[in-house]
C-alpha cells in the first residue's frame, strides 16, 4: 500500500509517517496541497491522509476531488470538533476522519480498515502512478497481472491469500494469520492446505517466465509478496485474456 500524509506541521506528519512505517506501509509526507497534487501526478497513492487546514487549499476540497475520482482511500485530520465541522467532514466523502492530536494506533487501525476494503475490490479502478515493474492485483476479477502484462486467473482461495499479503507489502504475514484469512484450522491439516495454495500459485506464476516468483517464504514466520504490487481494477485487453492462465 502506498500512503501519503498531507500536513503543514512537519513534526506531526513525520511522527505519523514513522508510526505507519512501523506497520510496513510505504509512506510519503508533504506539507501542501500543491505537493500532494504533484505526488499524485508522479507516483499515485492508495490512501491519502490529509489535514483539513492546509495553507494553500482546504483538505475538504482535496477529499471531495478524490472522492469523485473514486480511486484513493481518504482520511481527514482536524482540530475542529463542533457539529458543523463534523457534518462537513462526513459530507466530504472521506473514508474516515480523526481529531487532532491524532493517536498513532487509532490511525493505524483506520488505515488498515480502508486497506482491507481496497484489497477486496471496493474502490473504483485506477491506473494512476503505475510503474513498469509493478504487479497488479484485481480482486474483483480474480486476476494477478505480471509486470510484462500477462494475467493469471486466480481461485477464490488464492485471491484471499494474495489479498492478505497485499496488506503488508514487503513484510511477512504469519502462517497463523493466513490460515485464519483462508478459514483453515490451526493444525497440521490447515498447514497442508496453506502450503498447497502456495505451491499452486508459484506454479502459475512460474509459467509466466518471470525470473523471480514474488511469493517468498520467510522461514519461521510465513510468506511475503516481494514484488511491487498495486491493487487495481485493470482494463484487461483481449491480448491479456488470451495470455491468461486458467486454474486447473
Protein backbone atom coordinates (compact mmCIF):
# COMPACT_ATOMS: atom_id res chain seq x y z
CA UNK A 1 0.00 0.00 0.00
CA UNK A 2 1.31 3.46 -0.95
CA UNK A 3 0.24 6.19 1.51
CA UNK A 4 0.70 9.94 1.60
CA UNK A 5 0.26 12.24 4.60
CA UNK A 6 -0.52 15.91 3.90
CA UNK A 7 0.02 18.22 6.89
CA UNK A 8 1.83 21.55 7.12
CA UNK A 9 3.16 20.69 10.60
CA UNK A 10 6.40 18.85 9.96
CA UNK A 11 6.56 17.25 13.40
CA UNK A 12 3.01 15.89 13.09
CA UNK A 13 3.37 14.38 9.65
CA UNK A 14 6.80 12.91 10.43
CA UNK A 15 5.55 11.26 13.62
CA UNK A 16 2.50 9.76 11.90
CA UNK A 17 4.56 8.63 8.91
CA UNK A 18 7.04 6.88 11.22
CA UNK A 19 4.19 5.12 13.04
CA UNK A 20 2.73 3.81 9.78
CA UNK A 21 6.14 2.69 8.55
CA UNK A 22 6.42 0.58 11.69
CA UNK A 23 3.45 -1.34 10.29
CA UNK A 24 5.25 -1.83 6.94
CA UNK A 25 3.28 0.77 4.98
CA UNK A 26 5.06 2.68 2.22
CA UNK A 27 4.56 6.31 3.31
CA UNK A 28 5.44 9.73 1.90
CA UNK A 29 4.62 13.03 3.59
CA UNK A 30 4.20 16.55 2.23
CA UNK A 31 3.19 19.93 3.63
CA UNK A 32 0.91 21.48 0.99
CA UNK A 33 -1.90 20.65 -1.41
CA UNK A 34 0.37 21.58 -4.33
CA UNK A 35 2.94 18.99 -3.28
CA UNK A 36 0.15 16.44 -2.92
CA UNK A 37 -1.15 17.01 -6.45
CA UNK A 38 2.38 16.78 -7.82
CA UNK A 39 2.78 13.48 -6.00
CA UNK A 40 -0.49 12.16 -7.39
CA UNK A 41 0.62 13.02 -10.90
CA UNK A 42 4.04 11.48 -10.50
CA UNK A 43 3.57 8.50 -8.20
CA UNK A 44 -0.01 7.77 -7.31
CA UNK A 45 -1.18 6.58 -3.90
CA UNK A 46 -3.63 4.06 -2.48
CA UNK A 47 -4.56 6.07 0.64
CA UNK A 48 -4.24 9.80 1.39
CA UNK A 49 -4.37 11.17 4.95
CA UNK A 50 -4.99 14.92 4.80
CA UNK A 51 -5.13 17.76 7.32
CA UNK A 52 -8.22 19.90 6.81
CA UNK A 53 -6.39 23.20 7.45
CA UNK A 54 -3.68 23.37 4.80
CA UNK A 55 -2.08 26.70 3.86
CA UNK A 56 -2.97 26.60 0.15
CA UNK A 57 -6.23 24.61 -0.10
CA UNK A 58 -8.75 23.06 2.22
CA UNK A 59 -8.29 19.37 2.88
CA UNK A 60 -12.06 19.06 2.42
CA UNK A 61 -11.70 20.17 -1.19
CA UNK A 62 -8.95 17.63 -1.81
CA UNK A 63 -11.09 14.89 -0.24
CA UNK A 64 -14.06 15.84 -2.42
CA UNK A 65 -11.83 15.73 -5.53
CA UNK A 66 -10.50 12.30 -4.58
CA UNK A 67 -13.99 11.04 -3.81
CA UNK A 68 -15.14 11.98 -7.31
CA UNK A 69 -12.18 10.09 -8.77
CA UNK A 70 -13.10 7.09 -6.62
CA UNK A 71 -9.62 5.63 -6.72
CA UNK A 72 -7.88 6.55 -3.47
CA UNK A 73 -8.81 5.88 0.14
CA UNK A 74 -9.18 9.15 2.08
CA UNK A 75 -8.68 10.04 5.72
CA UNK A 76 -9.02 13.54 7.16
CA UNK A 77 -7.42 15.06 10.25
CA UNK A 78 -8.83 18.12 12.01
CA UNK A 79 -8.55 20.04 15.24
CA UNK A 80 -12.15 21.24 14.84
CA UNK A 81 -14.74 19.30 16.77
CA UNK A 82 -18.06 21.17 16.67
CA UNK A 83 -21.18 19.80 14.98
CA UNK A 84 -20.97 21.91 11.82
CA UNK A 85 -17.39 20.85 11.20
CA UNK A 86 -18.17 17.18 11.83
CA UNK A 87 -21.02 17.34 9.32
CA UNK A 88 -18.70 18.90 6.75
CA UNK A 89 -16.26 16.05 7.28
CA UNK A 90 -18.99 13.47 6.75
CA UNK A 91 -20.13 15.20 3.53
CA UNK A 92 -16.58 15.25 2.17
CA UNK A 93 -16.67 11.64 1.01
CA UNK A 94 -13.71 10.66 3.22
CA UNK A 95 -13.44 7.09 4.47
CA UNK A 96 -12.59 8.25 7.99
CA UNK A 97 -11.69 11.34 9.98
CA UNK A 98 -9.67 11.76 13.17
CA UNK A 99 -9.45 14.60 15.67
CA UNK A 100 -6.03 16.11 16.31
CA UNK A 101 -3.81 15.35 18.08
CA UNK A 102 -4.11 12.07 16.20
CA UNK A 103 -3.32 8.90 18.10
CA UNK A 104 -0.91 6.73 16.11
CA UNK A 105 -2.61 3.44 16.97
CA UNK A 106 -6.03 4.81 16.02
CA UNK A 107 -4.63 5.97 12.68
CA UNK A 108 -3.11 2.55 12.01
CA UNK A 109 -6.44 0.82 12.59
CA UNK A 110 -8.31 3.31 10.38
CA UNK A 111 -5.78 2.83 7.57
CA UNK A 112 -5.94 -0.96 7.88
CA UNK A 113 -9.73 -0.88 7.54
CA UNK A 114 -9.52 1.17 4.35
CA UNK A 115 -6.72 -1.05 3.03
CA UNK A 116 -8.88 -4.14 3.53
CA UNK A 117 -11.70 -2.58 1.53
CA UNK A 118 -9.29 -1.68 -1.26
CA UNK A 119 -7.91 -5.22 -1.34
CA UNK A 120 -11.43 -6.63 -1.54
CA UNK A 121 -12.08 -4.54 -4.63
CA UNK A 122 -14.47 -1.99 -3.14
CA UNK A 123 -12.70 1.01 -4.73
CA UNK A 124 -13.04 2.10 -8.32
CA UNK A 125 -10.36 1.31 -10.87
CA UNK A 126 -7.16 3.29 -11.11
CA UNK A 127 -4.08 3.22 -13.27
CA UNK A 128 -2.56 6.31 -11.63
CA UNK A 129 1.14 6.06 -10.91
CA UNK A 130 1.64 2.56 -12.28
CA UNK A 131 5.27 1.75 -12.73
CA UNK A 132 6.72 -0.63 -15.32
CA UNK A 133 7.88 -3.07 -12.61
CA UNK A 134 4.51 -3.30 -10.86
CA UNK A 135 2.45 -6.43 -10.41
CA UNK A 136 -1.28 -5.69 -10.49
CA UNK A 137 -3.87 -7.45 -8.35
CA UNK A 138 -7.53 -7.16 -9.32
CA UNK A 139 -9.58 -8.91 -6.61
CA UNK A 140 -12.87 -8.14 -8.33
CA UNK A 141 -11.85 -10.13 -11.42
CA UNK A 142 -9.64 -12.67 -9.61
CA UNK A 143 -6.63 -11.56 -11.67
CA UNK A 144 -2.94 -11.17 -10.86
CA UNK A 145 -1.03 -9.48 -13.68
CA UNK A 146 2.75 -9.62 -14.09
CA UNK A 147 4.89 -6.55 -14.88
CA UNK A 148 5.01 -7.55 -18.56
CA UNK A 149 1.20 -7.68 -18.80
CA UNK A 150 0.50 -11.42 -18.53
CA UNK A 151 -2.60 -12.16 -16.46
CA UNK A 152 -3.11 -15.17 -14.22
CA UNK A 153 -6.62 -16.21 -13.23
CA UNK A 154 -6.79 -16.97 -9.52
CA UNK A 155 -9.03 -19.19 -7.44
CA UNK A 156 -11.05 -17.78 -4.56
CA UNK A 157 -8.52 -19.08 -2.03
CA UNK A 158 -5.63 -17.57 -4.00
CA UNK A 159 -7.40 -14.20 -4.09
CA UNK A 160 -7.70 -14.30 -0.30
CA UNK A 161 -4.05 -15.31 0.05
CA UNK A 162 -2.67 -12.58 -2.25
CA UNK A 163 -5.05 -10.01 -0.76
CA UNK A 164 -3.75 -10.72 2.75
CA UNK A 165 -0.13 -10.38 1.63
CA UNK A 166 -1.02 -7.11 -0.10
CA UNK A 167 -1.96 -5.56 3.23
CA UNK A 168 1.67 -5.83 4.37
CA UNK A 169 3.79 -5.16 1.27
CA UNK A 170 7.37 -6.28 1.69
CA UNK A 171 6.67 -7.74 5.13
CA UNK A 172 5.98 -11.31 6.17
CA UNK A 173 2.48 -12.41 7.08
CA UNK A 174 2.43 -15.24 9.60
CA UNK A 175 1.11 -18.67 8.73
CA UNK A 176 -1.38 -18.29 11.56
CA UNK A 177 -2.82 -15.08 10.08
CA UNK A 178 -3.01 -16.65 6.63
CA UNK A 179 -4.80 -19.75 7.92
CA UNK A 180 -7.32 -17.51 9.67
CA UNK A 181 -7.84 -15.44 6.48
CA UNK A 182 -8.43 -18.61 4.47
CA UNK A 183 -10.68 -20.25 7.05
CA UNK A 184 -8.26 -23.13 7.68
CA UNK A 185 -7.75 -24.83 11.01
CA UNK A 186 -4.73 -24.09 13.16
CA UNK A 187 -3.40 -27.62 12.86
CA UNK A 188 -1.32 -29.75 10.50
CA UNK A 189 -4.21 -30.08 8.08
CA UNK A 190 -4.51 -26.29 7.88
CA UNK A 191 -0.77 -26.05 7.24
CA UNK A 192 -1.00 -28.57 4.40
CA UNK A 193 -3.87 -26.65 2.78
CA UNK A 194 -1.91 -23.40 3.01
CA UNK A 195 1.20 -24.99 1.53
CA UNK A 196 -0.88 -26.41 -1.33
CA UNK A 197 -2.12 -22.92 -2.23
CA UNK A 198 1.43 -21.57 -2.22
CA UNK A 199 2.65 -24.41 -4.48
CA UNK A 200 -0.18 -23.92 -7.00
CA UNK A 201 0.25 -20.15 -7.08
CA UNK A 202 4.01 -20.39 -7.54
CA UNK A 203 3.50 -22.87 -10.38
CA UNK A 204 1.10 -20.50 -12.14
CA UNK A 205 3.40 -17.51 -11.76
CA UNK A 206 6.46 -19.53 -12.74
CA UNK A 207 4.75 -20.46 -16.00
CA UNK A 208 4.77 -16.78 -16.94
CA UNK A 209 8.53 -16.91 -17.33
CA UNK A 210 9.19 -14.40 -14.55
CA UNK A 211 12.75 -14.77 -13.30
CA UNK A 212 11.64 -14.34 -9.68
CA UNK A 213 8.28 -15.57 -8.45
CA UNK A 214 7.25 -12.92 -5.86
CA UNK A 215 5.72 -15.32 -3.29
CA UNK A 216 8.59 -15.74 -0.86
CA UNK A 217 8.88 -17.97 2.20
CA UNK A 218 10.15 -16.34 5.39
CA UNK A 219 11.37 -19.29 7.43
CA UNK A 220 9.93 -19.46 10.91
CA UNK A 221 7.32 -16.80 10.10
CA UNK A 222 5.22 -17.14 6.94
CA UNK A 223 5.13 -15.61 3.47
CA UNK A 224 5.53 -12.24 1.78
CA UNK A 225 4.94 -10.72 -1.67
CA UNK A 226 8.39 -9.50 -2.64
CA UNK A 227 7.46 -7.62 -5.82
CA UNK A 228 5.98 -4.14 -6.19
CA UNK A 229 2.22 -4.74 -6.01
CA UNK A 230 -0.63 -2.40 -6.91
CA UNK A 231 -4.26 -3.19 -6.19
CA UNK A 232 -6.36 -2.08 -9.14
CA UNK A 233 -9.27 -2.98 -11.32
CA UNK A 234 -7.40 -3.34 -14.57
CA UNK A 235 -8.86 -2.97 -18.04
CA UNK A 236 -7.57 -6.23 -19.42
CA UNK A 237 -7.05 -6.26 -23.16
CA UNK A 238 -8.03 -9.09 -25.44
CA UNK A 239 -4.35 -9.98 -25.69
CA UNK A 240 -4.15 -10.17 -21.90
CA UNK A 241 -7.11 -12.51 -21.79
CA UNK A 242 -5.55 -14.76 -24.40
CA UNK A 243 -2.40 -14.98 -22.32
CA UNK A 244 -4.31 -15.55 -19.08
CA UNK A 245 -3.53 -18.88 -17.45
CA UNK A 246 -6.65 -20.60 -16.22
CA UNK A 247 -6.69 -22.57 -12.96
CA UNK A 248 -6.75 -26.33 -13.24
